[in-house]
PDB file of N, CA and C in Angstrom:
ATOM      1  N   MET A   1       0.839  -1.181   0.000  1.00  0.00           N
ATOM      2  CA  MET A   1       0.000   0.000   0.000  1.00  0.00           C
ATOM      3  C   MET A   1       0.880   1.238   0.000  1.00  0.00           C
ATOM      4  N   ALA A   2       0.348   2.296  -0.554  1.00  0.00           N
ATOM      5  CA  ALA A   2       1.141   3.516  -0.630  1.00  0.00           C
ATOM      6  C   ALA A   2       0.242   4.743  -0.559  1.00  0.00           C
ATOM      7  N   ILE A   3       0.811   5.794  -0.009  1.00  0.00           N
ATOM      8  CA  ILE A   3       0.136   7.079   0.081  1.00  0.00           C
ATOM      9  C   ILE A   3       1.082   8.122  -0.486  1.00  0.00           C
ATOM     10  N   LYS A   4       0.588   8.895  -1.456  1.00  0.00           N
ATOM     11  CA  LYS A   4       1.408   9.949  -2.051  1.00  0.00           C
ATOM     12  C   LYS A   4       0.708  11.281  -1.805  1.00  0.00           C
ATOM     13  N   LYS A   5       1.473  12.257  -1.315  1.00  0.00           N
ATOM     14  CA  LYS A   5       0.926  13.580  -1.024  1.00  0.00           C
ATOM     15  C   LYS A   5       1.523  14.607  -1.977  1.00  0.00           C
ATOM     16  N   GLN A   6       0.645  15.422  -2.559  1.00  0.00           N
ATOM     17  CA  GLN A   6       1.098  16.487  -3.449  1.00  0.00           C
ATOM     18  C   GLN A   6       0.406  17.780  -2.997  1.00  0.00           C
ATOM     19  N   TYR A   7       1.220  18.716  -2.505  1.00  0.00           N
ATOM     20  CA  TYR A   7       0.683  19.981  -2.012  1.00  0.00           C
ATOM     21  C   TYR A   7       0.546  20.968  -3.162  1.00  0.00           C
ATOM     22  N   LEU A   8      -0.605  21.628  -3.216  1.00  0.00           N
ATOM     23  CA  LEU A   8      -0.842  22.621  -4.253  1.00  0.00           C
ATOM     24  C   LEU A   8      -0.365  23.988  -3.781  1.00  0.00           C
ATOM     25  N   LYS A   9       0.296  24.723  -4.671  1.00  0.00           N
ATOM     26  CA  LYS A   9       0.767  26.063  -4.321  1.00  0.00           C
ATOM     27  C   LYS A   9      -0.365  27.076  -4.397  1.00  0.00           C
ATOM     28  N   SER A  10      -1.333  26.818  -5.248  1.00  0.00           N
ATOM     29  CA  SER A  10      -2.411  27.780  -5.484  1.00  0.00           C
ATOM     30  C   SER A  10      -3.524  27.736  -4.439  1.00  0.00           C
ATOM     31  N   LYS A  11      -3.656  26.607  -3.717  1.00  0.00           N
ATOM     32  CA  LYS A  11      -4.730  26.450  -2.722  1.00  0.00           C
ATOM     33  C   LYS A  11      -4.179  25.743  -1.488  1.00  0.00           C
ATOM     34  N   PRO A  12      -4.855  25.936  -0.339  1.00  0.00           N
ATOM     35  CA  PRO A  12      -4.420  25.229   0.879  1.00  0.00           C
ATOM     36  C   PRO A  12      -4.913  23.778   0.885  1.00  0.00           C
ATOM     37  N   VAL A  13      -4.538  23.048  -0.154  1.00  0.00           N
ATOM     38  CA  VAL A  13      -5.041  21.694  -0.366  1.00  0.00           C
ATOM     39  C   VAL A  13      -3.879  20.744  -0.644  1.00  0.00           C
ATOM     40  N   CYS A  14      -4.047  19.507  -0.202  1.00  0.00           N
ATOM     41  CA  CYS A  14      -3.095  18.450  -0.511  1.00  0.00           C
ATOM     42  C   CYS A  14      -3.840  17.358  -1.277  1.00  0.00           C
ATOM     43  N   LYS A  15      -3.331  17.011  -2.459  1.00  0.00           N
ATOM     44  CA  LYS A  15      -3.897  15.893  -3.224  1.00  0.00           C
ATOM     45  C   LYS A  15      -3.257  14.617  -2.679  1.00  0.00           C
ATOM     46  N   VAL A  16      -4.086  13.750  -2.120  1.00  0.00           N
ATOM     47  CA  VAL A  16      -3.590  12.505  -1.547  1.00  0.00           C
ATOM     48  C   VAL A  16      -4.034  11.355  -2.451  1.00  0.00           C
ATOM     49  N   THR A  17      -3.045  10.591  -2.935  1.00  0.00           N
ATOM     50  CA  THR A  17      -3.338   9.441  -3.789  1.00  0.00           C
ATOM     51  C   THR A  17      -3.113   8.165  -2.986  1.00  0.00           C
ATOM     52  N   PHE A  18      -4.145   7.350  -2.922  1.00  0.00           N
ATOM     53  CA  PHE A  18      -4.090   6.063  -2.222  1.00  0.00           C
ATOM     54  C   PHE A  18      -3.899   4.962  -3.252  1.00  0.00           C
ATOM     55  N   SER A  19      -2.962   4.037  -2.984  1.00  0.00           N
ATOM     56  CA  SER A  19      -2.729   2.880  -3.851  1.00  0.00           C
ATOM     57  C   SER A  19      -2.779   1.621  -3.003  1.00  0.00           C
ATOM     58  N   VAL A  20      -3.601   0.666  -3.437  1.00  0.00           N
ATOM     59  CA  VAL A  20      -3.762  -0.584  -2.692  1.00  0.00           C
ATOM     60  C   VAL A  20      -3.594  -1.754  -3.659  1.00  0.00           C
ATOM     61  N   PRO A  21      -2.511  -2.546  -3.500  1.00  0.00           N
ATOM     62  CA  PRO A  21      -2.358  -3.730  -4.347  1.00  0.00           C
ATOM     63  C   PRO A  21      -3.320  -4.820  -3.858  1.00  0.00           C
ATOM     64  N   ALA A  22      -4.297  -5.154  -4.680  1.00  0.00           N
ATOM     65  CA  ALA A  22      -5.301  -6.144  -4.273  1.00  0.00           C
ATOM     66  C   ALA A  22      -5.856  -6.813  -5.533  1.00  0.00           C
ATOM     67  N   GLU A  23      -5.025  -7.625  -6.186  1.00  0.00           N
ATOM     68  CA  GLU A  23      -5.398  -8.245  -7.456  1.00  0.00           C
ATOM     69  C   GLU A  23      -6.694  -9.039  -7.386  1.00  0.00           C
ATOM     70  N   GLU A  24      -6.912  -9.712  -6.267  1.00  0.00           N
ATOM     71  CA  GLU A  24      -8.081 -10.577  -6.145  1.00  0.00           C
ATOM     72  C   GLU A  24      -9.345  -9.810  -5.768  1.00  0.00           C
ATOM     73  N   ALA A  25      -9.197  -8.572  -5.317  1.00  0.00           N
ATOM     74  CA  ALA A  25     -10.349  -7.801  -4.838  1.00  0.00           C
ATOM     75  C   ALA A  25     -11.222  -7.322  -5.987  1.00  0.00           C
ATOM     76  N   LYS A  26     -12.494  -7.145  -5.679  1.00  0.00           N
ATOM     77  CA  LYS A  26     -13.439  -6.602  -6.644  1.00  0.00           C
ATOM     78  C   LYS A  26     -13.702  -5.122  -6.377  1.00  0.00           C
ATOM     79  N   LYS A  27     -13.602  -4.721  -5.099  1.00  0.00           N
ATOM     80  CA  LYS A  27     -13.952  -3.354  -4.734  1.00  0.00           C
ATOM     81  C   LYS A  27     -13.086  -2.872  -3.563  1.00  0.00           C
ATOM     82  N   VAL A  28     -12.513  -1.667  -3.705  1.00  0.00           N
ATOM     83  CA  VAL A  28     -11.717  -1.060  -2.635  1.00  0.00           C
ATOM     84  C   VAL A  28     -12.161   0.391  -2.488  1.00  0.00           C
ATOM     85  N   ALA A  29     -12.382   0.800  -1.238  1.00  0.00           N
ATOM     86  CA  ALA A  29     -12.798   2.173  -0.960  1.00  0.00           C
ATOM     87  C   ALA A  29     -12.003   2.702   0.231  1.00  0.00           C
ATOM     88  N   VAL A  30     -11.967   4.038   0.360  1.00  0.00           N
ATOM     89  CA  VAL A  30     -11.322   4.682   1.500  1.00  0.00           C
ATOM     90  C   VAL A  30     -12.393   5.453   2.251  1.00  0.00           C
ATOM     91  N   LEU A  31     -12.465   5.193   3.551  1.00  0.00           N
ATOM     92  CA  LEU A  31     -13.373   5.936   4.409  1.00  0.00           C
ATOM     93  C   LEU A  31     -12.570   6.556   5.529  1.00  0.00           C
ATOM     94  N   GLY A  32     -13.052   7.687   6.030  1.00  0.00           N
ATOM     95  CA  GLY A  32     -12.344   8.338   7.121  1.00  0.00           C
ATOM     96  C   GLY A  32     -13.071   9.566   7.612  1.00  0.00           C
ATOM     97  N   THR A  33     -12.372  10.309   8.442  1.00  0.00           N
ATOM     98  CA  THR A  33     -12.975  11.515   8.999  1.00  0.00           C
ATOM     99  C   THR A  33     -13.243  12.539   7.902  1.00  0.00           C
ATOM    100  N   PHE A  34     -12.504  12.481   6.794  1.00  0.00           N
ATOM    101  CA  PHE A  34     -12.703  13.434   5.698  1.00  0.00           C
ATOM    102  C   PHE A  34     -14.012  13.208   4.948  1.00  0.00           C
ATOM    103  N   ASN A  35     -14.623  12.019   5.072  1.00  0.00           N
ATOM    104  CA  ASN A  35     -15.941  11.787   4.476  1.00  0.00           C
ATOM    105  C   ASN A  35     -16.932  11.253   5.512  1.00  0.00           C
ATOM    106  N   GLU A  36     -16.659  11.583   6.769  1.00  0.00           N
ATOM    107  CA  GLU A  36     -17.533  11.275   7.905  1.00  0.00           C
ATOM    108  C   GLU A  36     -17.810   9.774   8.058  1.00  0.00           C
ATOM    109  N   TRP A  37     -16.886   8.926   7.595  1.00  0.00           N
ATOM    110  CA  TRP A  37     -17.018   7.472   7.661  1.00  0.00           C
ATOM    111  C   TRP A  37     -18.310   7.013   6.981  1.00  0.00           C
ATOM    112  N   ASN A  38     -18.797   7.788   6.039  1.00  0.00           N
ATOM    113  CA  ASN A  38     -20.063   7.517   5.376  1.00  0.00           C
ATOM    114  C   ASN A  38     -19.822   6.677   4.118  1.00  0.00           C
ATOM    115  N   GLN A  39     -20.387   5.478   4.093  1.00  0.00           N
ATOM    116  CA  GLN A  39     -20.201   4.568   2.943  1.00  0.00           C
ATOM    117  C   GLN A  39     -20.625   5.224   1.630  1.00  0.00           C
ATOM    118  N   LYS A  40     -21.666   6.072   1.667  1.00  0.00           N
ATOM    119  CA  LYS A  40     -22.156   6.716   0.444  1.00  0.00           C
ATOM    120  C   LYS A  40     -21.168   7.763  -0.067  1.00  0.00           C
ATOM    121  N   LYS A  41     -20.316   8.309   0.831  1.00  0.00           N
ATOM    122  CA  LYS A  41     -19.332   9.313   0.433  1.00  0.00           C
ATOM    123  C   LYS A  41     -17.936   8.708   0.279  1.00  0.00           C
ATOM    124  N   ALA A  42     -17.847   7.391   0.370  1.00  0.00           N
ATOM    125  CA  ALA A  42     -16.552   6.707   0.309  1.00  0.00           C
ATOM    126  C   ALA A  42     -15.836   7.021  -1.001  1.00  0.00           C
ATOM    127  N   VAL A  43     -14.520   7.113  -0.923  1.00  0.00           N
ATOM    128  CA  VAL A  43     -13.701   7.312  -2.124  1.00  0.00           C
ATOM    129  C   VAL A  43     -13.479   5.927  -2.738  1.00  0.00           C
ATOM    130  N   GLN A  44     -14.140   5.675  -3.865  1.00  0.00           N
ATOM    131  CA  GLN A  44     -14.006   4.386  -4.551  1.00  0.00           C
ATOM    132  C   GLN A  44     -12.718   4.405  -5.371  1.00  0.00           C
ATOM    133  N   LEU A  45     -11.851   3.447  -5.108  1.00  0.00           N
ATOM    134  CA  LEU A  45     -10.601   3.368  -5.857  1.00  0.00           C
ATOM    135  C   LEU A  45     -10.827   2.570  -7.142  1.00  0.00           C
ATOM    136  N   LYS A  46     -10.153   2.980  -8.203  1.00  0.00           N
ATOM    137  CA  LYS A  46     -10.298   2.316  -9.502  1.00  0.00           C
ATOM    138  C   LYS A  46      -9.220   1.247  -9.660  1.00  0.00           C
ATOM    139  N   LYS A  47      -9.631   0.108 -10.199  1.00  0.00           N
ATOM    140  CA  LYS A  47      -8.691  -0.992 -10.405  1.00  0.00           C
ATOM    141  C   LYS A  47      -7.910  -0.774 -11.699  1.00  0.00           C
ATOM    142  N   LEU A  48      -6.577  -0.820 -11.585  1.00  0.00           N
ATOM    143  CA  LEU A  48      -5.702  -0.690 -12.743  1.00  0.00           C
ATOM    144  C   LEU A  48      -5.394  -2.077 -13.316  1.00  0.00           C
ATOM    145  N   LYS A  49      -4.813  -2.117 -14.497  1.00  0.00           N
ATOM    146  CA  LYS A  49      -4.502  -3.391 -15.153  1.00  0.00           C
ATOM    147  C   LYS A  49      -3.551  -4.256 -14.338  1.00  0.00           C
ATOM    148  N   ASN A  50      -2.674  -3.620 -13.546  1.00  0.00           N
ATOM    149  CA  ASN A  50      -1.699  -4.389 -12.763  1.00  0.00           C
ATOM    150  C   ASN A  50      -2.280  -4.925 -11.451  1.00  0.00           C
ATOM    151  N   GLY A  51      -3.582  -4.711 -11.211  1.00  0.00           N
ATOM    152  CA  GLY A  51      -4.217  -5.244 -10.009  1.00  0.00           C
ATOM    153  C   GLY A  51      -4.207  -4.286  -8.828  1.00  0.00           C
ATOM    154  N   THR A  52      -3.632  -3.115  -8.996  1.00  0.00           N
ATOM    155  CA  THR A  52      -3.604  -2.110  -7.930  1.00  0.00           C
ATOM    156  C   THR A  52      -4.830  -1.214  -8.049  1.00  0.00           C
ATOM    157  N   PHE A  53      -5.423  -0.903  -6.913  1.00  0.00           N
ATOM    158  CA  PHE A  53      -6.529   0.043  -6.873  1.00  0.00           C
ATOM    159  C   PHE A  53      -5.962   1.410  -6.519  1.00  0.00           C
ATOM    160  N   LYS A  54      -6.438   2.458  -7.206  1.00  0.00           N
ATOM    161  CA  LYS A  54      -5.865   3.782  -6.999  1.00  0.00           C
ATOM    162  C   LYS A  54      -6.963   4.839  -7.032  1.00  0.00           C
ATOM    163  N   GLY A  55      -6.786   5.864  -6.189  1.00  0.00           N
ATOM    164  CA  GLY A  55      -7.728   6.974  -6.177  1.00  0.00           C
ATOM    165  C   GLY A  55      -7.132   8.163  -5.459  1.00  0.00           C
ATOM    166  N   THR A  56      -7.644   9.351  -5.796  1.00  0.00           N
ATOM    167  CA  THR A  56      -7.111  10.592  -5.234  1.00  0.00           C
ATOM    168  C   THR A  56      -8.226  11.377  -4.563  1.00  0.00           C
ATOM    169  N   VAL A  57      -7.868  12.021  -3.456  1.00  0.00           N
ATOM    170  CA  VAL A  57      -8.821  12.884  -2.746  1.00  0.00           C
ATOM    171  C   VAL A  57      -8.090  14.175  -2.380  1.00  0.00           C
ATOM    172  N   ASP A  58      -8.804  15.292  -2.455  1.00  0.00           N
ATOM    173  CA  ASP A  58      -8.248  16.583  -2.050  1.00  0.00           C
ATOM    174  C   ASP A  58      -8.585  16.822  -0.583  1.00  0.00           C
ATOM    175  N   LEU A  59      -7.553  17.037   0.232  1.00  0.00           N
ATOM    176  CA  LEU A  59      -7.758  17.282   1.658  1.00  0.00           C
ATOM    177  C   LEU A  59      -7.187  18.637   2.049  1.00  0.00           C
ATOM    178  N   GLU A  60      -7.883  19.313   2.928  1.00  0.00           N
ATOM    179  CA  GLU A  60      -7.408  20.599   3.427  1.00  0.00           C
ATOM    180  C   GLU A  60      -6.128  20.368   4.217  1.00  0.00           C
ATOM    181  N   LYS A  61      -5.080  21.160   3.896  1.00  0.00           N
ATOM    182  CA  LYS A  61      -3.798  20.923   4.561  1.00  0.00           C
ATOM    183  C   LYS A  61      -3.798  21.476   5.975  1.00  0.00           C
ATOM    184  N   ASP A  62      -2.744  21.141   6.727  1.00  0.00           N
ATOM    185  CA  ASP A  62      -2.594  21.493   8.143  1.00  0.00           C
ATOM    186  C   ASP A  62      -3.654  20.816   9.005  1.00  0.00           C
ATOM    187  N   ASN A  63      -4.033  19.604   8.633  1.00  0.00           N
ATOM    188  CA  ASN A  63      -5.001  18.815   9.386  1.00  0.00           C
ATOM    189  C   ASN A  63      -4.524  17.371   9.486  1.00  0.00           C
ATOM    190  N   SER A  64      -5.152  16.649  10.405  1.00  0.00           N
ATOM    191  CA  SER A  64      -4.948  15.206  10.525  1.00  0.00           C
ATOM    192  C   SER A  64      -6.283  14.527  10.270  1.00  0.00           C
ATOM    193  N   TYR A  65      -6.236  13.420   9.579  1.00  0.00           N
ATOM    194  CA  TYR A  65      -7.437  12.666   9.246  1.00  0.00           C
ATOM    195  C   TYR A  65      -7.225  11.204   9.600  1.00  0.00           C
ATOM    196  N   GLU A  66      -8.252  10.569  10.179  1.00  0.00           N
ATOM    197  CA  GLU A  66      -8.212   9.129  10.398  1.00  0.00           C
ATOM    198  C   GLU A  66      -8.875   8.468   9.196  1.00  0.00           C
ATOM    199  N   PHE A  67      -8.360   7.295   8.809  1.00  0.00           N
ATOM    200  CA  PHE A  67      -8.922   6.604   7.641  1.00  0.00           C
ATOM    201  C   PHE A  67      -8.643   5.114   7.701  1.00  0.00           C
ATOM    202  N   ARG A  68      -9.398   4.370   6.924  1.00  0.00           N
ATOM    203  CA  ARG A  68      -9.166   2.942   6.714  1.00  0.00           C
ATOM    204  C   ARG A  68      -9.662   2.576   5.329  1.00  0.00           C
ATOM    205  N   TYR A  69      -9.133   1.486   4.808  1.00  0.00           N
ATOM    206  CA  TYR A  69      -9.609   0.947   3.541  1.00  0.00           C
ATOM    207  C   TYR A  69     -10.686  -0.097   3.825  1.00  0.00           C
ATOM    208  N   VAL A  70     -11.602  -0.243   2.864  1.00  0.00           N
ATOM    209  CA  VAL A  70     -12.565  -1.347   2.893  1.00  0.00           C
ATOM    210  C   VAL A  70     -12.327  -2.136   1.605  1.00  0.00           C
ATOM    211  N   VAL A  71     -11.766  -3.329   1.767  1.00  0.00           N
ATOM    212  CA  VAL A  71     -11.441  -4.195   0.632  1.00  0.00           C
ATOM    213  C   VAL A  71     -12.430  -5.349   0.636  1.00  0.00           C
ATOM    214  N   ASP A  72     -13.342  -5.330  -0.337  1.00  0.00           N
ATOM    215  CA  ASP A  72     -14.395  -6.353  -0.418  1.00  0.00           C
ATOM    216  C   ASP A  72     -15.084  -6.561   0.937  1.00  0.00           C
ATOM    217  N   GLY A  73     -15.406  -5.476   1.610  1.00  0.00           N
ATOM    218  CA  GLY A  73     -16.141  -5.536   2.871  1.00  0.00           C
ATOM    219  C   GLY A  73     -15.277  -5.695   4.110  1.00  0.00           C
ATOM    220  N   GLN A  74     -13.977  -5.928   3.948  1.00  0.00           N
ATOM    221  CA  GLN A  74     -13.069  -6.103   5.088  1.00  0.00           C
ATOM    222  C   GLN A  74     -12.303  -4.808   5.360  1.00  0.00           C
ATOM    223  N   TRP A  75     -12.369  -4.319   6.600  1.00  0.00           N
ATOM    224  CA  TRP A  75     -11.655  -3.102   6.983  1.00  0.00           C
ATOM    225  C   TRP A  75     -10.175  -3.426   7.175  1.00  0.00           C
ATOM    226  N   THR A  76      -9.312  -2.546   6.657  1.00  0.00           N
ATOM    227  CA  THR A  76      -7.875  -2.759   6.791  1.00  0.00           C
ATOM    228  C   THR A  76      -7.145  -1.419   6.842  1.00  0.00           C
ATOM    229  N   ASN A  77      -5.986  -1.407   7.474  1.00  0.00           N
ATOM    230  CA  ASN A  77      -5.170  -0.201   7.586  1.00  0.00           C
ATOM    231  C   ASN A  77      -4.072  -0.184   6.536  1.00  0.00           C
ATOM    232  N   ASP A  78      -3.537   0.987   6.309  1.00  0.00           N
ATOM    233  CA  ASP A  78      -2.398   1.153   5.417  1.00  0.00           C
ATOM    234  C   ASP A  78      -1.133   1.084   6.268  1.00  0.00           C
ATOM    235  N   ASP A  79      -0.184   0.239   5.889  1.00  0.00           N
ATOM    236  CA  ASP A  79       1.053   0.107   6.661  1.00  0.00           C
ATOM    237  C   ASP A  79       1.951   1.329   6.503  1.00  0.00           C
ATOM    238  N   GLN A  80       1.598   2.253   5.607  1.00  0.00           N
ATOM    239  CA  GLN A  80       2.385   3.469   5.433  1.00  0.00           C
ATOM    240  C   GLN A  80       1.682   4.713   5.987  1.00  0.00           C
ATOM    241  N   ALA A  81       0.684   4.511   6.848  1.00  0.00           N
ATOM    242  CA  ALA A  81       0.008   5.655   7.473  1.00  0.00           C
ATOM    243  C   ALA A  81       1.027   6.425   8.314  1.00  0.00           C
ATOM    244  N   ASP A  82       0.781   7.723   8.506  1.00  0.00           N
ATOM    245  CA  ASP A  82       1.696   8.551   9.299  1.00  0.00           C
ATOM    246  C   ASP A  82       1.703   8.151  10.767  1.00  0.00           C
ATOM    247  N   ALA A  83       0.572   7.638  11.243  1.00  0.00           N
ATOM    248  CA  ALA A  83       0.443   7.201  12.639  1.00  0.00           C
ATOM    249  C   ALA A  83      -0.811   6.336  12.725  1.00  0.00           C
ATOM    250  N   TYR A  84      -1.117   5.875  13.940  1.00  0.00           N
ATOM    251  CA  TYR A  84      -2.328   5.086  14.168  1.00  0.00           C
ATOM    252  C   TYR A  84      -3.010   5.614  15.415  1.00  0.00           C
ATOM    253  N   ALA A  85      -4.350   5.584  15.404  1.00  0.00           N
ATOM    254  CA  ALA A  85      -5.123   6.069  16.542  1.00  0.00           C
ATOM    255  C   ALA A  85      -6.195   5.037  16.880  1.00  0.00           C
ATOM    256  N   TRP A  86      -6.326   4.724  18.166  1.00  0.00           N
ATOM    257  CA  TRP A  86      -7.318   3.750  18.611  1.00  0.00           C
ATOM    258  C   TRP A  86      -8.718   4.322  18.456  1.00  0.00           C
ATOM    259  N   SER A  87      -9.634   3.508  17.966  1.00  0.00           N
ATOM    260  CA  SER A  87     -11.035   3.888  17.826  1.00  0.00           C
ATOM    261  C   SER A  87     -11.880   2.956  18.675  1.00  0.00           C
ATOM    262  N   ASP A  88     -12.533   3.502  19.694  1.00  0.00           N
ATOM    263  CA  ASP A  88     -13.428   2.688  20.516  1.00  0.00           C
ATOM    264  C   ASP A  88     -14.607   2.182  19.691  1.00  0.00           C
ATOM    265  N   PHE A  89     -15.076   3.001  18.749  1.00  0.00           N
ATOM    266  CA  PHE A  89     -16.210   2.623  17.903  1.00  0.00           C
ATOM    267  C   PHE A  89     -15.894   1.363  17.105  1.00  0.00           C
ATOM    268  N   ALA A  90     -14.723   1.328  16.497  1.00  0.00           N
ATOM    269  CA  ALA A  90     -14.334   0.184  15.666  1.00  0.00           C
ATOM    270  C   ALA A  90     -13.647  -0.913  16.468  1.00  0.00           C
ATOM    271  N   ALA A  91     -13.242  -0.586  17.711  1.00  0.00           N
ATOM    272  CA  ALA A  91     -12.461  -1.508  18.544  1.00  0.00           C
ATOM    273  C   ALA A  91     -11.204  -1.950  17.791  1.00  0.00           C
ATOM    274  N   ALA A  92     -10.597  -0.998  17.096  1.00  0.00           N
ATOM    275  CA  ALA A  92      -9.390  -1.248  16.310  1.00  0.00           C
ATOM    276  C   ALA A  92      -8.693   0.083  16.070  1.00  0.00           C
ATOM    277  N   GLU A  93      -7.489   0.001  15.514  1.00  0.00           N
ATOM    278  CA  GLU A  93      -6.772   1.227  15.190  1.00  0.00           C
ATOM    279  C   GLU A  93      -7.144   1.717  13.798  1.00  0.00           C
ATOM    280  N   ASN A  94      -7.191   3.030  13.645  1.00  0.00           N
ATOM    281  CA  ASN A  94      -7.346   3.665  12.339  1.00  0.00           C
ATOM    282  C   ASN A  94      -6.002   4.236  11.928  1.00  0.00           C
ATOM    283  N   GLY A  95      -5.763   4.302  10.638  1.00  0.00           N
ATOM    284  CA  GLY A  95      -4.580   4.988  10.139  1.00  0.00           C
ATOM    285  C   GLY A  95      -4.793   6.479  10.279  1.00  0.00           C
ATOM    286  N   VAL A  96      -3.702   7.210  10.472  1.00  0.00           N
ATOM    287  CA  VAL A  96      -3.764   8.672  10.571  1.00  0.00           C
ATOM    288  C   VAL A  96      -2.942   9.262   9.438  1.00  0.00           C
ATOM    289  N   LEU A  97      -3.513  10.258   8.792  1.00  0.00           N
ATOM    290  CA  LEU A  97      -2.877  10.946   7.688  1.00  0.00           C
ATOM    291  C   LEU A  97      -2.693  12.401   8.087  1.00  0.00           C
ATOM    292  N   ASN A  98      -1.437  12.859   8.132  1.00  0.00           N
ATOM    293  CA  ASN A  98      -1.134  14.254   8.469  1.00  0.00           C
ATOM    294  C   ASN A  98      -0.784  15.003   7.193  1.00  0.00           C
ATOM    295  N   VAL A  99      -1.582  16.023   6.877  1.00  0.00           N
ATOM    296  CA  VAL A  99      -1.328  16.802   5.661  1.00  0.00           C
ATOM    297  C   VAL A  99      -1.175  18.285   5.989  1.00  0.00           C
TER     298      VAL A  99
END
């Protein structure tokens, strides 16, 4: 898994690209505090020919966001998250993204 951050000079925004290698998966999405953990607002990642799912979201910079991936219904963290934060709601850790 990979997270790429690209800061825009023209706006206080960071373009964050999520990449998840999951050849066998049919569907991968990113949920987090930036979309209120709402499945309907989830960032759906697109499957590339090499089996990696990829998608980009614009996040306001100078903030921290908690997030997790949903791969075919299974919640999972990114091993390259900036940090991890315990969630009592999920009874698990969420990845933290600092932008």
